[in-house]
């Protein structure tokens, strides 16, 4: 299950349509003048998770997992009825465990208190008692239904670009689209060719994927589609790659046309 996206809880239970996500925010929408403010809150909290994760020396995959946990939790809860700051700390704590990079609960509490209490956020009420975070961990795992496996687009990005061993990242996971699985049918092309991207272009695609966690895309689309979209945007916006494709008159055919995916 951990190596097959199509058989995972991620695919079966945690992919939603936009109407379902909007319904999950129904209570919060009663307290804002513009529904777009809820989207701004999502960006704000995702940035906060990233900052806390970096202070805890968490890898990007673990930070992404924490963000996914946070968004999954708020599919069942409202911002206005919970304390998002302790939820953020709990998501980072649980994600570090799930990604086999555990962080001591005392360190999470200490770093969270220091981060949230600075002048930018001004949250002075974050509990100093470790047991409060441990209790929140229990509620978080319960609402996640113990589904702690989260697939991310990073592996697909590196696989499609033939850069599994690249220095861009060493924390990709097996399993997306069967990557790393040696037997069974292929759903992502023949595997005979690889899309070649410059290091800077690959880094741009990586950053685009990072930015997708500021939105609800991780709840709506499978990770491999997000990775493909990131590569496509890179081909369009990365200047040197864009110019080389134009000079080669490659726009009439792209590697994406050869990709085949298992129908849902």
C-alpha atoms as a PDB file:
ATOM      1  CA  UNK A   1       0.000   0.000   0.000  1.00  0.00           C
ATOM      2  CA  UNK A   2       2.861   2.372   0.819  1.00  0.00           C
ATOM      3  CA  UNK A   3       4.373   1.780  -2.618  1.00  0.00           C
ATOM      4  CA  UNK A   4       1.206   1.953  -4.731  1.00  0.00           C
ATOM      5  CA  UNK A   5      -0.565   5.284  -5.001  1.00  0.00           C
ATOM      6  CA  UNK A   6      -3.660   3.761  -6.606  1.00  0.00           C
ATOM      7  CA  UNK A   7      -4.181   1.392  -3.667  1.00  0.00           C
ATOM      8  CA  UNK A   8      -3.322   3.963  -0.999  1.00  0.00           C
ATOM      9  CA  UNK A   9      -5.588   5.795   1.420  1.00  0.00           C
ATOM     10  CA  UNK A  10      -4.348   9.017  -0.165  1.00  0.00           C
ATOM     11  CA  UNK A  11      -6.051   8.149  -3.448  1.00  0.00           C
ATOM     12  CA  UNK A  12      -9.083   6.382  -2.006  1.00  0.00           C
ATOM     13  CA  UNK A  13     -10.028   8.755   0.837  1.00  0.00           C
ATOM     14  CA  UNK A  14      -8.202  12.074   0.574  1.00  0.00           C
ATOM     15  CA  UNK A  15      -8.855  13.331  -2.948  1.00  0.00           C
ATOM     16  CA  UNK A  16     -11.829  15.719  -3.104  1.00  0.00           C
ATOM     17  CA  UNK A  17     -13.607  17.958  -5.575  1.00  0.00           C
ATOM     18  CA  UNK A  18     -13.781  21.728  -5.162  1.00  0.00           C
ATOM     19  CA  UNK A  19     -17.409  21.665  -4.021  1.00  0.00           C
ATOM     20  CA  UNK A  20     -16.541  19.370  -1.105  1.00  0.00           C
ATOM     21  CA  UNK A  21     -13.647  21.593  -0.081  1.00  0.00           C
ATOM     22  CA  UNK A  22     -15.883  24.673  -0.215  1.00  0.00           C
ATOM     23  CA  UNK A  23     -18.456  22.904   1.942  1.00  0.00           C
ATOM     24  CA  UNK A  24     -15.748  22.119   4.516  1.00  0.00           C
ATOM     25  CA  UNK A  25     -15.142  25.879   4.850  1.00  0.00           C
ATOM     26  CA  UNK A  26     -18.851  26.742   5.194  1.00  0.00           C
ATOM     27  CA  UNK A  27     -18.609  27.742   8.867  1.00  0.00           C
ATOM     28  CA  UNK A  28     -15.512  29.878   8.335  1.00  0.00           C
ATOM     29  CA  UNK A  29     -17.131  31.654   5.394  1.00  0.00           C
ATOM     30  CA  UNK A  30     -19.738  33.084   7.761  1.00  0.00           C
ATOM     31  CA  UNK A  31     -17.037  35.205   9.420  1.00  0.00           C
ATOM     32  CA  UNK A  32     -15.351  36.742   6.369  1.00  0.00           C
ATOM     33  CA  UNK A  33     -16.499  39.422   3.952  1.00  0.00           C
ATOM     34  CA  UNK A  34     -14.730  37.890   0.978  1.00  0.00           C
ATOM     35  CA  UNK A  35     -14.294  34.109   0.468  1.00  0.00           C
ATOM     36  CA  UNK A  36     -10.818  34.847  -0.898  1.00  0.00           C
ATOM     37  CA  UNK A  37      -9.708  35.617   2.669  1.00  0.00           C
ATOM     38  CA  UNK A  38      -9.991  31.907   3.450  1.00  0.00           C
ATOM     39  CA  UNK A  39      -7.516  31.206   0.654  1.00  0.00           C
ATOM     40  CA  UNK A  40      -5.187  33.832   2.139  1.00  0.00           C
ATOM     41  CA  UNK A  41      -5.398  32.036   5.480  1.00  0.00           C
ATOM     42  CA  UNK A  42      -4.366  28.804   3.764  1.00  0.00           C
ATOM     43  CA  UNK A  43      -1.300  30.533   2.292  1.00  0.00           C
ATOM     44  CA  UNK A  44      -0.465  32.096   5.651  1.00  0.00           C
ATOM     45  CA  UNK A  45      -0.623  28.798   7.535  1.00  0.00           C
ATOM     46  CA  UNK A  46       1.311  26.918   4.822  1.00  0.00           C
ATOM     47  CA  UNK A  47       4.094  29.505   5.067  1.00  0.00           C
ATOM     48  CA  UNK A  48       4.072  29.121   8.845  1.00  0.00           C
ATOM     49  CA  UNK A  49       4.389  25.335   8.575  1.00  0.00           C
ATOM     50  CA  UNK A  50       7.349  25.813   6.245  1.00  0.00           C
ATOM     51  CA  UNK A  51       9.049  28.208   8.664  1.00  0.00           C
ATOM     52  CA  UNK A  52       8.542  25.904  11.646  1.00  0.00           C
ATOM     53  CA  UNK A  53       9.701  22.900   9.639  1.00  0.00           C
ATOM     54  CA  UNK A  54      12.919  24.658   8.667  1.00  0.00           C
ATOM     55  CA  UNK A  55      13.569  25.639  12.285  1.00  0.00           C
ATOM     56  CA  UNK A  56      13.203  21.951  13.170  1.00  0.00           C
ATOM     57  CA  UNK A  57      15.577  21.021  10.300  1.00  0.00           C
ATOM     58  CA  UNK A  58      12.850  18.973   8.607  1.00  0.00           C
ATOM     59  CA  UNK A  59      13.318  17.908   4.998  1.00  0.00           C
ATOM     60  CA  UNK A  60      11.081  19.378   2.314  1.00  0.00           C
ATOM     61  CA  UNK A  61       9.138  16.134   1.968  1.00  0.00           C
ATOM     62  CA  UNK A  62       8.326  16.167   5.693  1.00  0.00           C
ATOM     63  CA  UNK A  63       7.246  19.812   5.495  1.00  0.00           C
ATOM     64  CA  UNK A  64       5.011  18.936   2.548  1.00  0.00           C
ATOM     65  CA  UNK A  65       3.535  16.031   4.522  1.00  0.00           C
ATOM     66  CA  UNK A  66       2.836  18.354   7.464  1.00  0.00           C
ATOM     67  CA  UNK A  67       1.028  20.741   5.102  1.00  0.00           C
ATOM     68  CA  UNK A  68      -1.058  17.880   3.698  1.00  0.00           C
ATOM     69  CA  UNK A  69      -1.970  16.761   7.230  1.00  0.00           C
ATOM     70  CA  UNK A  70      -2.988  20.324   8.097  1.00  0.00           C
ATOM     71  CA  UNK A  71      -5.286  20.578   5.078  1.00  0.00           C
ATOM     72  CA  UNK A  72      -6.754  17.137   5.704  1.00  0.00           C
ATOM     73  CA  UNK A  73      -7.478  18.059   9.336  1.00  0.00           C
ATOM     74  CA  UNK A  74      -9.358  21.162   8.232  1.00  0.00           C
ATOM     75  CA  UNK A  75     -11.498  19.160   5.862  1.00  0.00           C
ATOM     76  CA  UNK A  76     -13.221  18.014   9.067  1.00  0.00           C
ATOM     77  CA  UNK A  77     -12.753  21.094  11.247  1.00  0.00           C
ATOM     78  CA  UNK A  78     -13.163  24.866  11.035  1.00  0.00           C
ATOM     79  CA  UNK A  79     -10.485  27.478  11.610  1.00  0.00           C
ATOM     80  CA  UNK A  80     -12.856  29.420  13.842  1.00  0.00           C
ATOM     81  CA  UNK A  81     -13.431  26.474  16.200  1.00  0.00           C
ATOM     82  CA  UNK A  82      -9.817  25.407  16.678  1.00  0.00           C
ATOM     83  CA  UNK A  83      -6.386  26.852  17.411  1.00  0.00           C
ATOM     84  CA  UNK A  84      -4.522  26.538  14.086  1.00  0.00           C
ATOM     85  CA  UNK A  85      -1.177  27.269  15.730  1.00  0.00           C
ATOM     86  CA  UNK A  86      -1.165  24.183  17.936  1.00  0.00           C
ATOM     87  CA  UNK A  87      -2.513  22.206  14.969  1.00  0.00           C
ATOM     88  CA  UNK A  88       0.483  23.399  12.931  1.00  0.00           C
ATOM     89  CA  UNK A  89       2.886  22.240  15.639  1.00  0.00           C
ATOM     90  CA  UNK A  90       1.121  18.872  15.865  1.00  0.00           C
ATOM     91  CA  UNK A  91       1.211  18.438  12.070  1.00  0.00           C
ATOM     92  CA  UNK A  92       4.966  19.042  12.015  1.00  0.00           C
ATOM     93  CA  UNK A  93       5.472  16.664  14.928  1.00  0.00           C
ATOM     94  CA  UNK A  94       3.410  13.859  13.363  1.00  0.00           C
ATOM     95  CA  UNK A  95       4.798  14.417   9.859  1.00  0.00           C
ATOM     96  CA  UNK A  96       8.360  14.110  11.174  1.00  0.00           C
ATOM     97  CA  UNK A  97       7.424  10.728  12.632  1.00  0.00           C
ATOM     98  CA  UNK A  98       5.609   9.610   9.488  1.00  0.00           C
ATOM     99  CA  UNK A  99       8.608  10.504   7.322  1.00  0.00           C
ATOM    100  CA  UNK A 100      10.978   8.659   9.683  1.00  0.00           C
ATOM    101  CA  UNK A 101      12.713  11.848  10.732  1.00  0.00           C
ATOM    102  CA  UNK A 102      11.397  12.175  14.300  1.00  0.00           C
ATOM    103  CA  UNK A 103      11.814  15.384  16.263  1.00  0.00           C
ATOM    104  CA  UNK A 104      11.616  15.467  20.048  1.00  0.00           C
ATOM    105  CA  UNK A 105       8.341  16.924  21.280  1.00  0.00           C
ATOM    106  CA  UNK A 106      10.210  19.324  23.561  1.00  0.00           C
ATOM    107  CA  UNK A 107      12.046  20.796  20.557  1.00  0.00           C
ATOM    108  CA  UNK A 108       8.768  21.243  18.667  1.00  0.00           C
ATOM    109  CA  UNK A 109       7.183  23.089  21.596  1.00  0.00           C
ATOM    110  CA  UNK A 110      10.235  25.293  22.117  1.00  0.00           C
ATOM    111  CA  UNK A 111      10.663  26.261  18.471  1.00  0.00           C
ATOM    112  CA  UNK A 112       6.922  26.781  17.983  1.00  0.00           C
ATOM    113  CA  UNK A 113       6.721  29.095  21.014  1.00  0.00           C
ATOM    114  CA  UNK A 114       9.687  31.145  19.807  1.00  0.00           C
ATOM    115  CA  UNK A 115       8.341  31.420  16.260  1.00  0.00           C
ATOM    116  CA  UNK A 116       4.729  32.208  17.123  1.00  0.00           C
ATOM    117  CA  UNK A 117       5.635  34.702  19.849  1.00  0.00           C
ATOM    118  CA  UNK A 118       7.740  36.997  17.659  1.00  0.00           C
ATOM    119  CA  UNK A 119       6.440  40.390  16.575  1.00  0.00           C
ATOM    120  CA  UNK A 120       5.260  39.099  13.193  1.00  0.00           C
ATOM    121  CA  UNK A 121       2.667  36.756  14.733  1.00  0.00           C
ATOM    122  CA  UNK A 122       2.337  37.865  18.357  1.00  0.00           C
ATOM    123  CA  UNK A 123       0.923  34.571  19.630  1.00  0.00           C
ATOM    124  CA  UNK A 124       1.872  34.578  23.314  1.00  0.00           C
ATOM    125  CA  UNK A 125      -0.598  31.909  24.400  1.00  0.00           C
ATOM    126  CA  UNK A 126       1.052  28.858  22.828  1.00  0.00           C
ATOM    127  CA  UNK A 127       1.279  26.250  25.625  1.00  0.00           C
ATOM    128  CA  UNK A 128       4.658  25.403  27.111  1.00  0.00           C
ATOM    129  CA  UNK A 129       3.393  22.077  28.446  1.00  0.00           C
ATOM    130  CA  UNK A 130       4.467  19.166  26.236  1.00  0.00           C
ATOM    131  CA  UNK A 131       1.330  17.251  27.175  1.00  0.00           C
ATOM    132  CA  UNK A 132      -0.840  19.789  25.322  1.00  0.00           C
ATOM    133  CA  UNK A 133       0.936  19.049  22.064  1.00  0.00           C
ATOM    134  CA  UNK A 134       0.785  15.305  22.776  1.00  0.00           C
ATOM    135  CA  UNK A 135      -2.977  15.631  23.291  1.00  0.00           C
ATOM    136  CA  UNK A 136      -3.334  17.556  20.033  1.00  0.00           C
ATOM    137  CA  UNK A 137      -1.353  14.804  18.316  1.00  0.00           C
ATOM    138  CA  UNK A 138      -3.983  12.307  19.450  1.00  0.00           C
ATOM    139  CA  UNK A 139      -6.844  14.413  18.028  1.00  0.00           C
ATOM    140  CA  UNK A 140      -4.947  14.995  14.783  1.00  0.00           C
ATOM    141  CA  UNK A 141      -4.223  11.319  14.144  1.00  0.00           C
ATOM    142  CA  UNK A 142      -7.837  10.503  15.002  1.00  0.00           C
ATOM    143  CA  UNK A 143      -9.202  12.998  12.455  1.00  0.00           C
ATOM    144  CA  UNK A 144      -6.702  11.750   9.886  1.00  0.00           C
ATOM    145  CA  UNK A 145      -8.106   8.259  10.514  1.00  0.00           C
ATOM    146  CA  UNK A 146      -4.515   7.074  10.976  1.00  0.00           C
ATOM    147  CA  UNK A 147      -3.882   7.695   7.265  1.00  0.00           C
ATOM    148  CA  UNK A 148      -0.322   8.971   7.541  1.00  0.00           C
ATOM    149  CA  UNK A 149       0.868   8.038   4.046  1.00  0.00           C
ATOM    150  CA  UNK A 150       1.086  11.062   1.758  1.00  0.00           C
ATOM    151  CA  UNK A 151       2.400  10.923  -1.799  1.00  0.00           C
ATOM    152  CA  UNK A 152       4.118  13.992  -3.235  1.00  0.00           C
ATOM    153  CA  UNK A 153       4.966  15.205  -6.759  1.00  0.00           C
ATOM    154  CA  UNK A 154       8.715  15.360  -6.123  1.00  0.00           C
ATOM    155  CA  UNK A 155       9.359  11.714  -7.004  1.00  0.00           C
ATOM    156  CA  UNK A 156       7.459  11.986 -10.269  1.00  0.00           C
ATOM    157  CA  UNK A 157       9.358  15.141 -11.165  1.00  0.00           C
ATOM    158  CA  UNK A 158      12.720  13.488 -10.634  1.00  0.00           C
ATOM    159  CA  UNK A 159      11.664  10.274 -12.395  1.00  0.00           C
ATOM    160  CA  UNK A 160      10.316  12.012 -15.509  1.00  0.00           C
ATOM    161  CA  UNK A 161      13.484  14.084 -15.732  1.00  0.00           C
ATOM    162  CA  UNK A 162      15.695  11.055 -15.175  1.00  0.00           C
ATOM    163  CA  UNK A 163      17.263  12.703 -12.150  1.00  0.00           C
ATOM    164  CA  UNK A 164      16.482  10.306  -9.306  1.00  0.00           C
ATOM    165  CA  UNK A 165      20.020  10.770  -8.025  1.00  0.00           C
ATOM    166  CA  UNK A 166      20.142  14.526  -8.521  1.00  0.00           C
ATOM    167  CA  UNK A 167      21.574  16.830  -5.892  1.00  0.00           C
ATOM    168  CA  UNK A 168      18.348  18.842  -5.982  1.00  0.00           C
ATOM    169  CA  UNK A 169      16.871  16.480  -3.434  1.00  0.00           C
ATOM    170  CA  UNK A 170      17.658  13.223  -1.731  1.00  0.00           C
ATOM    171  CA  UNK A 171      14.344  12.839   0.074  1.00  0.00           C
ATOM    172  CA  UNK A 172      11.996  11.608  -2.638  1.00  0.00           C
ATOM    173  CA  UNK A 173       9.842   8.607  -1.964  1.00  0.00           C
ATOM    174  CA  UNK A 174       9.040   5.464  -3.907  1.00  0.00           C
ATOM    175  CA  UNK A 175       5.602   4.585  -5.090  1.00  0.00           C
ATOM    176  CA  UNK A 176       4.175   7.397  -7.202  1.00  0.00           C
ATOM    177  CA  UNK A 177       3.040   5.908 -10.474  1.00  0.00           C
ATOM    178  CA  UNK A 178       4.801   2.746  -9.414  1.00  0.00           C
ATOM    179  CA  UNK A 179       8.209   4.432  -9.360  1.00  0.00           C
ATOM    180  CA  UNK A 180      10.627   2.052  -7.758  1.00  0.00           C
ATOM    181  CA  UNK A 181       8.365  -0.946  -8.418  1.00  0.00           C
ATOM    182  CA  UNK A 182      10.038  -3.369 -10.798  1.00  0.00           C
ATOM    183  CA  UNK A 183       7.124  -5.557 -11.805  1.00  0.00           C
ATOM    184  CA  UNK A 184       3.651  -4.944 -13.166  1.00  0.00           C
ATOM    185  CA  UNK A 185       2.384  -2.795 -16.050  1.00  0.00           C
ATOM    186  CA  UNK A 186       3.706   0.715 -16.748  1.00  0.00           C
ATOM    187  CA  UNK A 187       1.324   3.657 -16.773  1.00  0.00           C
ATOM    188  CA  UNK A 188       3.716   6.498 -17.554  1.00  0.00           C
ATOM    189  CA  UNK A 189       5.170   5.801 -21.013  1.00  0.00           C
ATOM    190  CA  UNK A 190       7.788   3.454 -22.391  1.00  0.00           C
ATOM    191  CA  UNK A 191      10.621   4.604 -20.144  1.00  0.00           C
ATOM    192  CA  UNK A 192      12.994   4.694 -23.110  1.00  0.00           C
ATOM    193  CA  UNK A 193      13.553   8.456 -23.034  1.00  0.00           C
ATOM    194  CA  UNK A 194      13.912  11.109 -20.375  1.00  0.00           C
ATOM    195  CA  UNK A 195      12.989  14.760 -20.378  1.00  0.00           C
ATOM    196  CA  UNK A 196      16.188  16.761 -20.037  1.00  0.00           C
ATOM    197  CA  UNK A 197      16.038  19.958 -17.983  1.00  0.00           C
ATOM    198  CA  UNK A 198      18.821  22.281 -16.963  1.00  0.00           C
ATOM    199  CA  UNK A 199      19.634  22.324 -13.268  1.00  0.00           C
ATOM    200  CA  UNK A 200      18.080  25.779 -12.891  1.00  0.00           C
ATOM    201  CA  UNK A 201      14.947  24.653 -14.749  1.00  0.00           C
ATOM    202  CA  UNK A 202      14.640  21.585 -12.552  1.00  0.00           C
ATOM    203  CA  UNK A 203      15.010  23.823  -9.513  1.00  0.00           C
ATOM    204  CA  UNK A 204      12.209  26.043 -10.823  1.00  0.00           C
ATOM    205  CA  UNK A 205       9.921  23.039 -11.246  1.00  0.00           C
ATOM    206  CA  UNK A 206      10.786  21.999  -7.685  1.00  0.00           C
ATOM    207  CA  UNK A 207       9.890  25.475  -6.382  1.00  0.00           C
ATOM    208  CA  UNK A 208       6.624  25.449  -8.327  1.00  0.00           C
ATOM    209  CA  UNK A 209       5.696  22.196  -6.601  1.00  0.00           C
ATOM    210  CA  UNK A 210       6.578  23.759  -3.242  1.00  0.00           C
ATOM    211  CA  UNK A 211       4.211  26.633  -4.026  1.00  0.00           C
ATOM    212  CA  UNK A 212       1.313  24.291  -4.818  1.00  0.00           C
ATOM    213  CA  UNK A 213       1.103  23.460  -1.114  1.00  0.00           C
ATOM    214  CA  UNK A 214      -0.080  27.031  -0.533  1.00  0.00           C
ATOM    215  CA  UNK A 215      -3.320  25.986  -2.232  1.00  0.00           C
ATOM    216  CA  UNK A 216      -5.769  23.085  -2.090  1.00  0.00           C
ATOM    217  CA  UNK A 217      -4.227  21.344  -5.116  1.00  0.00           C
ATOM    218  CA  UNK A 218      -2.836  18.538  -2.938  1.00  0.00           C
ATOM    219  CA  UNK A 219      -6.436  17.704  -1.972  1.00  0.00           C
ATOM    220  CA  UNK A 220      -7.805  17.848  -5.517  1.00  0.00           C
ATOM    221  CA  UNK A 221      -5.283  16.321  -7.924  1.00  0.00           C
ATOM    222  CA  UNK A 222      -3.028  13.238  -7.840  1.00  0.00           C
ATOM    223  CA  UNK A 223       0.609  14.166  -7.229  1.00  0.00           C
ATOM    224  CA  UNK A 224       1.828  13.001 -10.643  1.00  0.00           C
ATOM    225  CA  UNK A 225      -0.483  15.475 -12.397  1.00  0.00           C
ATOM    226  CA  UNK A 226       0.863  18.291 -10.234  1.00  0.00           C
ATOM    227  CA  UNK A 227       4.405  17.281 -11.180  1.00  0.00           C
ATOM    228  CA  UNK A 228       3.566  17.306 -14.883  1.00  0.00           C
ATOM    229  CA  UNK A 229       1.926  20.726 -14.572  1.00  0.00           C
ATOM    230  CA  UNK A 230       5.053  22.022 -12.798  1.00  0.00           C
ATOM    231  CA  UNK A 231       7.256  20.737 -15.628  1.00  0.00           C
ATOM    232  CA  UNK A 232       4.968  22.304 -18.224  1.00  0.00           C
ATOM    233  CA  UNK A 233       5.056  25.685 -16.463  1.00  0.00           C
ATOM    234  CA  UNK A 234       8.825  25.433 -16.274  1.00  0.00           C
ATOM    235  CA  UNK A 235       9.052  24.822 -20.025  1.00  0.00           C
ATOM    236  CA  UNK A 236       6.943  27.939 -20.559  1.00  0.00           C
ATOM    237  CA  UNK A 237       8.505  30.313 -18.043  1.00  0.00           C
ATOM    238  CA  UNK A 238      12.146  29.241 -17.762  1.00  0.00           C
ATOM    239  CA  UNK A 239      13.785  31.614 -20.212  1.00  0.00           C
ATOM    240  CA  UNK A 240      16.711  29.560 -21.510  1.00  0.00           C
ATOM    241  CA  UNK A 241      14.631  26.378 -21.746  1.00  0.00           C
ATOM    242  CA  UNK A 242      11.853  28.278 -23.499  1.00  0.00           C
ATOM    243  CA  UNK A 243      14.267  29.714 -26.067  1.00  0.00           C
ATOM    244  CA  UNK A 244      15.934  26.359 -26.744  1.00  0.00           C
ATOM    245  CA  UNK A 245      12.562  24.725 -27.347  1.00  0.00           C
ATOM    246  CA  UNK A 246      11.536  27.495 -29.704  1.00  0.00           C
ATOM    247  CA  UNK A 247      14.764  27.222 -31.661  1.00  0.00           C
ATOM    248  CA  UNK A 248      14.342  23.473 -31.926  1.00  0.00           C
ATOM    249  CA  UNK A 249      10.701  23.941 -32.975  1.00  0.00           C
ATOM    250  CA  UNK A 250       9.699  21.488 -30.292  1.00  0.00           C
ATOM    251  CA  UNK A 251       6.357  23.025 -29.414  1.00  0.00           C
ATOM    252  CA  UNK A 252       4.488  20.821 -31.867  1.00  0.00           C
ATOM    253  CA  UNK A 253       5.363  17.794 -29.778  1.00  0.00           C
ATOM    254  CA  UNK A 254       6.143  17.525 -26.091  1.00  0.00           C
ATOM    255  CA  UNK A 255       7.052  14.504 -23.949  1.00  0.00           C
ATOM    256  CA  UNK A 256       3.725  14.861 -22.169  1.00  0.00           C
ATOM    257  CA  UNK A 257       1.888  13.515 -25.206  1.00  0.00           C
ATOM    258  CA  UNK A 258       3.597  10.172 -24.680  1.00  0.00           C
ATOM    259  CA  UNK A 259       2.654   9.886 -21.022  1.00  0.00           C
ATOM    260  CA  UNK A 260      -0.067   7.435 -20.169  1.00  0.00           C
ATOM    261  CA  UNK A 261      -1.704   7.178 -16.782  1.00  0.00           C
ATOM    262  CA  UNK A 262      -4.012   4.683 -15.191  1.00  0.00           C
ATOM    263  CA  UNK A 263      -7.607   5.944 -15.383  1.00  0.00           C
ATOM    264  CA  UNK A 264      -9.261   6.680 -12.065  1.00  0.00           C
END
